[in-house]
Amino acid sequence: MNTTLVKLAKKRQRLVEEAQMQRRAVADQFQAWHKPISMLDYAINMLRYLKQHPVLVASGGSALLSMFKPNALSLWLQRGLLAWQILSKFKKKRQSN
């Protein structure tokens, strides 16, 4: 019985060491992805914030557009309206599927 316990303890120790090596290998592989994933996470959080605060987008966008000439302002407003219509149709279509 004692030899069985010793074998089990050795096997357990070997498995623990193997798991540690595997964890280190996975951590090394994901280290290269840390910065791109964190940048993507930041961008997603910013988009969520802007989605929850549309007034900020409208006021910031209008302030930015007011710097342009009036003809350019109307052109940008048309483009914005078109983009909004396309996105709303896409969103409705996506929700229906």
PDB file of N, CA and C in Angstrom:
ATOM      1  N   MET A   1       0.820  -1.190   0.000  1.00  0.00           N
ATOM      2  CA  MET A   1       0.000   0.000   0.000  1.00  0.00           C
ATOM      3  C   MET A   1       0.865   1.256   0.000  1.00  0.00           C
ATOM      4  N   ASN A   2       1.960   1.225   0.724  1.00  0.00           N
ATOM      5  CA  ASN A   2       2.843   2.373   0.804  1.00  0.00           C
ATOM      6  C   ASN A   2       3.460   2.677  -0.557  1.00  0.00           C
ATOM      7  N   THR A   3       3.814   1.654  -1.312  1.00  0.00           N
ATOM      8  CA  THR A   3       4.390   1.882  -2.639  1.00  0.00           C
ATOM      9  C   THR A   3       3.359   2.497  -3.582  1.00  0.00           C
ATOM     10  N   THR A   4       2.102   2.127  -3.414  1.00  0.00           N
ATOM     11  CA  THR A   4       1.041   2.709  -4.237  1.00  0.00           C
ATOM     12  C   THR A   4       0.912   4.196  -3.961  1.00  0.00           C
ATOM     13  N   LEU A   5       0.978   4.582  -2.697  1.00  0.00           N
ATOM     14  CA  LEU A   5       0.891   5.998  -2.338  1.00  0.00           C
ATOM     15  C   LEU A   5       2.085   6.772  -2.874  1.00  0.00           C
ATOM     16  N   VAL A   6       3.257   6.167  -2.825  1.00  0.00           N
ATOM     17  CA  VAL A   6       4.455   6.824  -3.341  1.00  0.00           C
ATOM     18  C   VAL A   6       4.327   7.013  -4.856  1.00  0.00           C
ATOM     19  N   LYS A   7       3.831   6.000  -5.556  1.00  0.00           N
ATOM     20  CA  LYS A   7       3.640   6.115  -6.998  1.00  0.00           C
ATOM     21  C   LYS A   7       2.633   7.220  -7.332  1.00  0.00           C
ATOM     22  N   LEU A   8       1.551   7.237  -6.559  1.00  0.00           N
ATOM     23  CA  LEU A   8       0.543   8.272  -6.792  1.00  0.00           C
ATOM     24  C   LEU A   8       1.102   9.672  -6.517  1.00  0.00           C
ATOM     25  N   ALA A   9       1.882   9.818  -5.479  1.00  0.00           N
ATOM     26  CA  ALA A   9       2.472  11.115  -5.156  1.00  0.00           C
ATOM     27  C   ALA A   9       3.436  11.557  -6.263  1.00  0.00           C
ATOM     28  N   LYS A  10       4.239  10.640  -6.783  1.00  0.00           N
ATOM     29  CA  LYS A  10       5.159  10.967  -7.871  1.00  0.00           C
ATOM     30  C   LYS A  10       4.387  11.356  -9.136  1.00  0.00           C
ATOM     31  N   LYS A  11       3.336  10.595  -9.429  1.00  0.00           N
ATOM     32  CA  LYS A  11       2.531  10.899 -10.614  1.00  0.00           C
ATOM     33  C   LYS A  11       1.860  12.270 -10.480  1.00  0.00           C
ATOM     34  N   ARG A  12       1.361  12.537  -9.272  1.00  0.00           N
ATOM     35  CA  ARG A  12       0.725  13.836  -9.026  1.00  0.00           C
ATOM     36  C   ARG A  12       1.740  14.970  -9.216  1.00  0.00           C
ATOM     37  N   GLN A  13       2.928  14.795  -8.672  1.00  0.00           N
ATOM     38  CA  GLN A  13       3.973  15.813  -8.801  1.00  0.00           C
ATOM     39  C   GLN A  13       4.337  16.046 -10.264  1.00  0.00           C
ATOM     40  N   ARG A  14       4.437  14.962 -11.031  1.00  0.00           N
ATOM     41  CA  ARG A  14       4.754  15.079 -12.449  1.00  0.00           C
ATOM     42  C   ARG A  14       3.648  15.826 -13.190  1.00  0.00           C
ATOM     43  N   LEU A  15       2.394  15.527 -12.862  1.00  0.00           N
ATOM     44  CA  LEU A  15       1.279  16.198 -13.518  1.00  0.00           C
ATOM     45  C   LEU A  15       1.211  17.684 -13.156  1.00  0.00           C
ATOM     46  N   VAL A  16       1.512  18.003 -11.904  1.00  0.00           N
ATOM     47  CA  VAL A  16       1.524  19.409 -11.479  1.00  0.00           C
ATOM     48  C   VAL A  16       2.604  20.178 -12.230  1.00  0.00           C
ATOM     49  N   GLU A  17       3.789  19.591 -12.352  1.00  0.00           N
ATOM     50  CA  GLU A  17       4.874  20.240 -13.090  1.00  0.00           C
ATOM     51  C   GLU A  17       4.524  20.406 -14.567  1.00  0.00           C
ATOM     52  N   GLU A  18       3.889  19.399 -15.145  1.00  0.00           N
ATOM     53  CA  GLU A  18       3.488  19.471 -16.543  1.00  0.00           C
ATOM     54  C   GLU A  18       2.444  20.575 -16.752  1.00  0.00           C
ATOM     55  N   ALA A  19       1.514  20.692 -15.830  1.00  0.00           N
ATOM     56  CA  ALA A  19       0.493  21.740 -15.924  1.00  0.00           C
ATOM     57  C   ALA A  19       1.133  23.120 -15.815  1.00  0.00           C
ATOM     58  N   GLN A  20       2.130  23.259 -14.950  1.00  0.00           N
ATOM     59  CA  GLN A  20       2.826  24.552 -14.823  1.00  0.00           C
ATOM     60  C   GLN A  20       3.542  24.919 -16.126  1.00  0.00           C
ATOM     61  N   MET A  21       4.181  23.936 -16.749  1.00  0.00           N
ATOM     62  CA  MET A  21       4.866  24.201 -18.019  1.00  0.00           C
ATOM     63  C   MET A  21       3.861  24.601 -19.097  1.00  0.00           C
ATOM     64  N   GLN A  22       2.703  23.936 -19.124  1.00  0.00           N
ATOM     65  CA  GLN A  22       1.687  24.265 -20.110  1.00  0.00           C
ATOM     66  C   GLN A  22       1.138  25.680 -19.879  1.00  0.00           C
ATOM     67  N   ARG A  23       0.931  26.054 -18.614  1.00  0.00           N
ATOM     68  CA  ARG A  23       0.462  27.409 -18.306  1.00  0.00           C
ATOM     69  C   ARG A  23       1.461  28.454 -18.776  1.00  0.00           C
ATOM     70  N   ARG A  24       2.737  28.197 -18.541  1.00  0.00           N
ATOM     71  CA  ARG A  24       3.767  29.144 -18.987  1.00  0.00           C
ATOM     72  C   ARG A  24       3.784  29.263 -20.514  1.00  0.00           C
ATOM     73  N   ALA A  25       3.622  28.136 -21.214  1.00  0.00           N
ATOM     74  CA  ALA A  25       3.622  28.152 -22.678  1.00  0.00           C
ATOM     75  C   ALA A  25       2.433  28.952 -23.214  1.00  0.00           C
ATOM     76  N   VAL A  26       1.270  28.757 -22.618  1.00  0.00           N
ATOM     77  CA  VAL A  26       0.084  29.506 -23.052  1.00  0.00           C
ATOM     78  C   VAL A  26       0.259  30.986 -22.752  1.00  0.00           C
ATOM     79  N   ALA A  27       0.789  31.316 -21.590  1.00  0.00           N
ATOM     80  CA  ALA A  27       1.011  32.719 -21.240  1.00  0.00           C
ATOM     81  C   ALA A  27       1.995  33.382 -22.202  1.00  0.00           C
ATOM     82  N   ASP A  28       3.032  32.662 -22.586  1.00  0.00           N
ATOM     83  CA  ASP A  28       4.004  33.204 -23.545  1.00  0.00           C
ATOM     84  C   ASP A  28       3.360  33.442 -24.911  1.00  0.00           C
ATOM     85  N   GLN A  29       2.503  32.536 -25.326  1.00  0.00           N
ATOM     86  CA  GLN A  29       1.848  32.679 -26.621  1.00  0.00           C
ATOM     87  C   GLN A  29       0.883  33.868 -26.630  1.00  0.00           C
ATOM     88  N   PHE A  30       0.190  34.092 -25.534  1.00  0.00           N
ATOM     89  CA  PHE A  30      -0.779  35.181 -25.484  1.00  0.00           C
ATOM     90  C   PHE A  30      -0.146  36.525 -25.161  1.00  0.00           C
ATOM     91  N   GLN A  31       1.093  36.538 -24.758  1.00  0.00           N
ATOM     92  CA  GLN A  31       1.765  37.803 -24.453  1.00  0.00           C
ATOM     93  C   GLN A  31       1.819  38.703 -25.677  1.00  0.00           C
ATOM     94  N   ALA A  32       2.038  38.126 -26.840  1.00  0.00           N
ATOM     95  CA  ALA A  32       2.105  38.915 -28.070  1.00  0.00           C
ATOM     96  C   ALA A  32       0.756  39.526 -28.419  1.00  0.00           C
ATOM     97  N   TRP A  33      -0.332  38.932 -27.971  1.00  0.00           N
ATOM     98  CA  TRP A  33      -1.672  39.425 -28.280  1.00  0.00           C
ATOM     99  C   TRP A  33      -2.198  40.406 -27.243  1.00  0.00           C
ATOM    100  N   HIS A  34      -1.485  40.603 -26.162  1.00  0.00           N
ATOM    101  CA  HIS A  34      -1.998  41.436 -25.063  1.00  0.00           C
ATOM    102  C   HIS A  34      -2.272  42.870 -25.502  1.00  0.00           C
ATOM    103  N   LYS A  35      -1.309  43.502 -26.174  1.00  0.00           N
ATOM    104  CA  LYS A  35      -1.487  44.902 -26.569  1.00  0.00           C
ATOM    105  C   LYS A  35      -2.599  45.077 -27.603  1.00  0.00           C
ATOM    106  N   PRO A  36      -2.637  44.284 -28.689  1.00  0.00           N
ATOM    107  CA  PRO A  36      -3.747  44.454 -29.644  1.00  0.00           C
ATOM    108  C   PRO A  36      -5.120  44.202 -29.026  1.00  0.00           C
ATOM    109  N   ILE A  37      -5.208  43.207 -28.155  1.00  0.00           N
ATOM    110  CA  ILE A  37      -6.498  42.910 -27.526  1.00  0.00           C
ATOM    111  C   ILE A  37      -6.902  44.032 -26.577  1.00  0.00           C
ATOM    112  N   SER A  38      -5.950  44.597 -25.846  1.00  0.00           N
ATOM    113  CA  SER A  38      -6.294  45.692 -24.940  1.00  0.00           C
ATOM    114  C   SER A  38      -6.720  46.931 -25.717  1.00  0.00           C
ATOM    115  N   MET A  39      -6.105  47.183 -26.880  1.00  0.00           N
ATOM    116  CA  MET A  39      -6.518  48.319 -27.707  1.00  0.00           C
ATOM    117  C   MET A  39      -7.932  48.093 -28.259  1.00  0.00           C
ATOM    118  N   LEU A  40      -8.211  46.885 -28.674  1.00  0.00           N
ATOM    119  CA  LEU A  40      -9.535  46.554 -29.173  1.00  0.00           C
ATOM    120  C   LEU A  40     -10.577  46.682 -28.055  1.00  0.00           C
ATOM    121  N   ASP A  41     -10.232  46.233 -26.873  1.00  0.00           N
ATOM    122  CA  ASP A  41     -11.122  46.343 -25.724  1.00  0.00           C
ATOM    123  C   ASP A  41     -11.424  47.807 -25.410  1.00  0.00           C
ATOM    124  N   TYR A  42     -10.406  48.658 -25.480  1.00  0.00           N
ATOM    125  CA  TYR A  42     -10.584  50.087 -25.243  1.00  0.00           C
ATOM    126  C   TYR A  42     -11.514  50.697 -26.289  1.00  0.00           C
ATOM    127  N   ALA A  43     -11.323  50.328 -27.554  1.00  0.00           N
ATOM    128  CA  ALA A  43     -12.168  50.858 -28.631  1.00  0.00           C
ATOM    129  C   ALA A  43     -13.616  50.423 -28.454  1.00  0.00           C
ATOM    130  N   ILE A  44     -13.825  49.177 -28.070  1.00  0.00           N
ATOM    131  CA  ILE A  44     -15.189  48.682 -27.847  1.00  0.00           C
ATOM    132  C   ILE A  44     -15.840  49.428 -26.694  1.00  0.00           C
ATOM    133  N   ASN A  45     -15.097  49.660 -25.630  1.00  0.00           N
ATOM    134  CA  ASN A  45     -15.645  50.415 -24.503  1.00  0.00           C
ATOM    135  C   ASN A  45     -15.993  51.844 -24.902  1.00  0.00           C
ATOM    136  N   MET A  46     -15.162  52.467 -25.738  1.00  0.00           N
ATOM    137  CA  MET A  46     -15.458  53.823 -26.204  1.00  0.00           C
ATOM    138  C   MET A  46     -16.732  53.834 -27.052  1.00  0.00           C
ATOM    139  N   LEU A  47     -16.881  52.856 -27.933  1.00  0.00           N
ATOM    140  CA  LEU A  47     -18.086  52.782 -28.759  1.00  0.00           C
ATOM    141  C   LEU A  47     -19.332  52.571 -27.909  1.00  0.00           C
ATOM    142  N   ARG A  48     -19.228  51.738 -26.878  1.00  0.00           N
ATOM    143  CA  ARG A  48     -20.359  51.539 -25.972  1.00  0.00           C
ATOM    144  C   ARG A  48     -20.714  52.834 -25.248  1.00  0.00           C
ATOM    145  N   TYR A  49     -19.693  53.564 -24.819  1.00  0.00           N
ATOM    146  CA  TYR A  49     -19.930  54.828 -24.137  1.00  0.00           C
ATOM    147  C   TYR A  49     -20.618  55.821 -25.075  1.00  0.00           C
ATOM    148  N   LEU A  50     -20.134  55.909 -26.306  1.00  0.00           N
ATOM    149  CA  LEU A  50     -20.741  56.833 -27.265  1.00  0.00           C
ATOM    150  C   LEU A  50     -22.168  56.417 -27.612  1.00  0.00           C
ATOM    151  N   LYS A  51     -22.423  55.121 -27.639  1.00  0.00           N
ATOM    152  CA  LYS A  51     -23.771  54.635 -27.916  1.00  0.00           C
ATOM    153  C   LYS A  51     -24.720  55.011 -26.779  1.00  0.00           C
ATOM    154  N   GLN A  52     -24.215  55.002 -25.549  1.00  0.00           N
ATOM    155  CA  GLN A  52     -25.044  55.358 -24.397  1.00  0.00           C
ATOM    156  C   GLN A  52     -25.206  56.865 -24.242  1.00  0.00           C
ATOM    157  N   HIS A  53     -24.350  57.656 -24.881  1.00  0.00           N
ATOM    158  CA  HIS A  53     -24.398  59.108 -24.775  1.00  0.00           C
ATOM    159  C   HIS A  53     -24.424  59.739 -26.168  1.00  0.00           C
ATOM    160  N   PRO A  54     -25.548  59.587 -26.897  1.00  0.00           N
ATOM    161  CA  PRO A  54     -25.594  60.101 -28.268  1.00  0.00           C
ATOM    162  C   PRO A  54     -25.530  61.625 -28.345  1.00  0.00           C
ATOM    163  N   VAL A  55     -25.893  62.311 -27.269  1.00  0.00           N
ATOM    164  CA  VAL A  55     -25.838  63.771 -27.272  1.00  0.00           C
ATOM    165  C   VAL A  55     -24.397  64.243 -27.432  1.00  0.00           C
ATOM    166  N   LEU A  56     -23.467  63.530 -26.818  1.00  0.00           N
ATOM    167  CA  LEU A  56     -22.060  63.895 -26.958  1.00  0.00           C
ATOM    168  C   LEU A  56     -21.597  63.754 -28.408  1.00  0.00           C
ATOM    169  N   VAL A  57     -22.064  62.723 -29.050  1.00  0.00           N
ATOM    170  CA  VAL A  57     -21.684  62.511 -30.445  1.00  0.00           C
ATOM    171  C   VAL A  57     -22.263  63.626 -31.310  1.00  0.00           C
ATOM    172  N   ALA A  58     -23.518  63.951 -31.077  1.00  0.00           N
ATOM    173  CA  ALA A  58     -24.169  64.984 -31.884  1.00  0.00           C
ATOM    174  C   ALA A  58     -23.528  66.346 -31.654  1.00  0.00           C
ATOM    175  N   SER A  59     -23.273  66.697 -30.397  1.00  0.00           N
ATOM    176  CA  SER A  59     -22.697  68.012 -30.122  1.00  0.00           C
ATOM    177  C   SER A  59     -21.249  68.094 -30.607  1.00  0.00           C
ATOM    178  N   GLY A  60     -20.497  67.043 -30.405  1.00  0.00           N
ATOM    179  CA  GLY A  60     -19.114  67.026 -30.879  1.00  0.00           C
ATOM    180  C   GLY A  60     -19.042  67.032 -32.392  1.00  0.00           C
ATOM    181  N   GLY A  61     -19.936  66.280 -33.011  1.00  0.00           N
ATOM    182  CA  GLY A  61     -19.961  66.244 -34.471  1.00  0.00           C
ATOM    183  C   GLY A  61     -20.377  67.575 -35.066  1.00  0.00           C
ATOM    184  N   SER A  62     -21.358  68.222 -34.439  1.00  0.00           N
ATOM    185  CA  SER A  62     -21.785  69.520 -34.969  1.00  0.00           C
ATOM    186  C   SER A  62     -20.705  70.575 -34.764  1.00  0.00           C
ATOM    187  N   ALA A  63     -19.987  70.508 -33.665  1.00  0.00           N
ATOM    188  CA  ALA A  63     -18.891  71.454 -33.443  1.00  0.00           C
ATOM    189  C   ALA A  63     -17.789  71.234 -34.474  1.00  0.00           C
ATOM    190  N   LEU A  64     -17.503  70.000 -34.764  1.00  0.00           N
ATOM    191  CA  LEU A  64     -16.487  69.693 -35.768  1.00  0.00           C
ATOM    192  C   LEU A  64     -16.928  70.154 -37.151  1.00  0.00           C
ATOM    193  N   LEU A  65     -18.182  69.901 -37.466  1.00  0.00           N
ATOM    194  CA  LEU A  65     -18.687  70.293 -38.783  1.00  0.00           C
ATOM    195  C   LEU A  65     -18.816  71.802 -38.938  1.00  0.00           C
ATOM    196  N   SER A  66     -19.024  72.512 -37.851  1.00  0.00           N
ATOM    197  CA  SER A  66     -19.163  73.964 -37.945  1.00  0.00           C
ATOM    198  C   SER A  66     -17.851  74.639 -38.359  1.00  0.00           C
ATOM    199  N   MET A  67     -16.756  73.922 -38.251  1.00  0.00           N
ATOM    200  CA  MET A  67     -15.474  74.481 -38.662  1.00  0.00           C
ATOM    201  C   MET A  67     -15.344  74.512 -40.185  1.00  0.00           C
ATOM    202  N   PHE A  68     -16.155  73.707 -40.876  1.00  0.00           N
ATOM    203  CA  PHE A  68     -16.095  73.661 -42.324  1.00  0.00           C
ATOM    204  C   PHE A  68     -16.962  74.760 -42.934  1.00  0.00           C
ATOM    205  N   LYS A  69     -16.855  74.915 -44.220  1.00  0.00           N
ATOM    206  CA  LYS A  69     -17.696  75.857 -44.949  1.00  0.00           C
ATOM    207  C   LYS A  69     -19.141  75.352 -44.943  1.00  0.00           C
ATOM    208  N   PRO A  70     -20.123  76.234 -45.145  1.00  0.00           N
ATOM    209  CA  PRO A  70     -21.525  75.790 -45.136  1.00  0.00           C
ATOM    210  C   PRO A  70     -21.823  74.696 -46.150  1.00  0.00           C
ATOM    211  N   ASN A  71     -21.244  74.780 -47.336  1.00  0.00           N
ATOM    212  CA  ASN A  71     -21.490  73.727 -48.336  1.00  0.00           C
ATOM    213  C   ASN A  71     -20.936  72.395 -47.865  1.00  0.00           C
ATOM    214  N   ALA A  72     -19.775  72.441 -47.243  1.00  0.00           N
ATOM    215  CA  ALA A  72     -19.181  71.215 -46.718  1.00  0.00           C
ATOM    216  C   ALA A  72     -20.024  70.680 -45.561  1.00  0.00           C
ATOM    217  N   LEU A  73     -20.588  71.590 -44.764  1.00  0.00           N
ATOM    218  CA  LEU A  73     -21.433  71.178 -43.646  1.00  0.00           C
ATOM    219  C   LEU A  73     -22.649  70.405 -44.154  1.00  0.00           C
ATOM    220  N   SER A  74     -23.298  70.925 -45.180  1.00  0.00           N
ATOM    221  CA  SER A  74     -24.478  70.227 -45.699  1.00  0.00           C
ATOM    222  C   SER A  74     -24.081  68.884 -46.315  1.00  0.00           C
ATOM    223  N   LEU A  75     -22.934  68.839 -46.955  1.00  0.00           N
ATOM    224  CA  LEU A  75     -22.460  67.582 -47.524  1.00  0.00           C
ATOM    225  C   LEU A  75     -22.218  66.550 -46.422  1.00  0.00           C
ATOM    226  N   TRP A  76     -21.578  66.971 -45.339  1.00  0.00           N
ATOM    227  CA  TRP A  76     -21.315  66.056 -44.236  1.00  0.00           C
ATOM    228  C   TRP A  76     -22.602  65.639 -43.536  1.00  0.00           C
ATOM    229  N   LEU A  77     -23.564  66.549 -43.446  1.00  0.00           N
ATOM    230  CA  LEU A  77     -24.847  66.181 -42.852  1.00  0.00           C
ATOM    231  C   LEU A  77     -25.564  65.140 -43.713  1.00  0.00           C
ATOM    232  N   GLN A  78     -25.486  65.291 -45.034  1.00  0.00           N
ATOM    233  CA  GLN A  78     -26.085  64.301 -45.924  1.00  0.00           C
ATOM    234  C   GLN A  78     -25.414  62.946 -45.762  1.00  0.00           C
ATOM    235  N   ARG A  79     -24.094  62.959 -45.687  1.00  0.00           N
ATOM    236  CA  ARG A  79     -23.358  61.698 -45.496  1.00  0.00           C
ATOM    237  C   ARG A  79     -23.709  61.054 -44.158  1.00  0.00           C
ATOM    238  N   GLY A  80     -23.800  61.867 -43.129  1.00  0.00           N
ATOM    239  CA  GLY A  80     -24.156  61.341 -41.814  1.00  0.00           C
ATOM    240  C   GLY A  80     -25.552  60.753 -41.795  1.00  0.00           C
ATOM    241  N   LEU A  81     -26.487  61.439 -42.447  1.00  0.00           N
ATOM    242  CA  LEU A  81     -27.848  60.925 -42.531  1.00  0.00           C
ATOM    243  C   LEU A  81     -27.876  59.605 -43.289  1.00  0.00           C
ATOM    244  N   LEU A  82     -27.161  59.542 -44.385  1.00  0.00           N
ATOM    245  CA  LEU A  82     -27.102  58.303 -45.163  1.00  0.00           C
ATOM    246  C   LEU A  82     -26.497  57.164 -44.336  1.00  0.00           C
ATOM    247  N   ALA A  83     -25.416  57.454 -43.645  1.00  0.00           N
ATOM    248  CA  ALA A  83     -24.776  56.422 -42.811  1.00  0.00           C
ATOM    249  C   ALA A  83     -25.729  55.966 -41.710  1.00  0.00           C
ATOM    250  N   TRP A  84     -26.435  56.906 -41.109  1.00  0.00           N
ATOM    251  CA  TRP A  84     -27.381  56.560 -40.033  1.00  0.00           C
ATOM    252  C   TRP A  84     -28.501  55.681 -40.581  1.00  0.00           C
ATOM    253  N   GLN A  85     -29.014  56.015 -41.773  1.00  0.00           N
ATOM    254  CA  GLN A  85     -30.081  55.217 -42.360  1.00  0.00           C
ATOM    255  C   GLN A  85     -29.599  53.810 -42.689  1.00  0.00           C
ATOM    256  N   ILE A  86     -28.404  53.710 -43.222  1.00  0.00           N
ATOM    257  CA  ILE A  86     -27.859  52.390 -43.558  1.00  0.00           C
ATOM    258  C   ILE A  86     -27.670  51.561 -42.293  1.00  0.00           C
ATOM    259  N   LEU A  87     -27.115  52.172 -41.268  1.00  0.00           N
ATOM    260  CA  LEU A  87     -26.893  51.435 -40.022  1.00  0.00           C
ATOM    261  C   LEU A  87     -28.200  51.019 -39.368  1.00  0.00           C
ATOM    262  N   SER A  88     -29.199  51.885 -39.389  1.00  0.00           N
ATOM    263  CA  SER A  88     -30.482  51.523 -38.773  1.00  0.00           C
ATOM    264  C   SER A  88     -31.160  50.397 -39.552  1.00  0.00           C
ATOM    265  N   LYS A  89     -31.082  50.420 -40.887  1.00  0.00           N
ATOM    266  CA  LYS A  89     -31.651  49.323 -41.676  1.00  0.00           C
ATOM    267  C   LYS A  89     -30.901  48.022 -41.411  1.00  0.00           C
ATOM    268  N   PHE A  90     -29.593  48.103 -41.323  1.00  0.00           N
ATOM    269  CA  PHE A  90     -28.784  46.919 -41.027  1.00  0.00           C
ATOM    270  C   PHE A  90     -29.131  46.357 -39.657  1.00  0.00           C
ATOM    271  N   LYS A  91     -29.318  47.245 -38.697  1.00  0.00           N
ATOM    272  CA  LYS A  91     -29.645  46.820 -37.340  1.00  0.00           C
ATOM    273  C   LYS A  91     -31.016  46.151 -37.297  1.00  0.00           C
ATOM    274  N   LYS A  92     -31.993  46.720 -38.005  1.00  0.00           N
ATOM    275  CA  LYS A  92     -33.323  46.123 -38.037  1.00  0.00           C
ATOM    276  C   LYS A  92     -33.294  44.768 -38.710  1.00  0.00           C
ATOM    277  N   LYS A  93     -32.542  44.675 -39.799  1.00  0.00           N
ATOM    278  CA  LYS A  93     -32.438  43.409 -40.523  1.00  0.00           C
ATOM    279  C   LYS A  93     -31.755  42.357 -39.660  1.00  0.00           C
ATOM    280  N   ARG A  94     -30.754  42.777 -38.931  1.00  0.00           N
ATOM    281  CA  ARG A  94     -30.021  41.857 -38.059  1.00  0.00           C
ATOM    282  C   ARG A  94     -30.901  41.365 -36.908  1.00  0.00           C
ATOM    283  N   GLN A  95     -31.748  42.245 -36.378  1.00  0.00           N
ATOM    284  CA  GLN A  95     -32.629  41.849 -35.275  1.00  0.00           C
ATOM    285  C   GLN A  95     -33.728  40.908 -35.749  1.00  0.00           C
ATOM    286  N   SER A  96     -34.153  41.047 -36.988  1.00  0.00           N
ATOM    287  CA  SER A  96     -35.215  40.195 -37.494  1.00  0.00           C
ATOM    288  C   SER A  96     -34.714  38.782 -37.784  1.00  0.00           C
ATOM    289  N   ASN A  97     -33.401  38.633 -38.013  1.00  0.00           N
ATOM    290  CA  ASN A  97     -32.832  37.295 -38.292  1.00  0.00           C
ATOM    291  C   ASN A  97     -32.514  36.607 -37.044  1.00  0.00           C
TER     292      ASN A  97
END
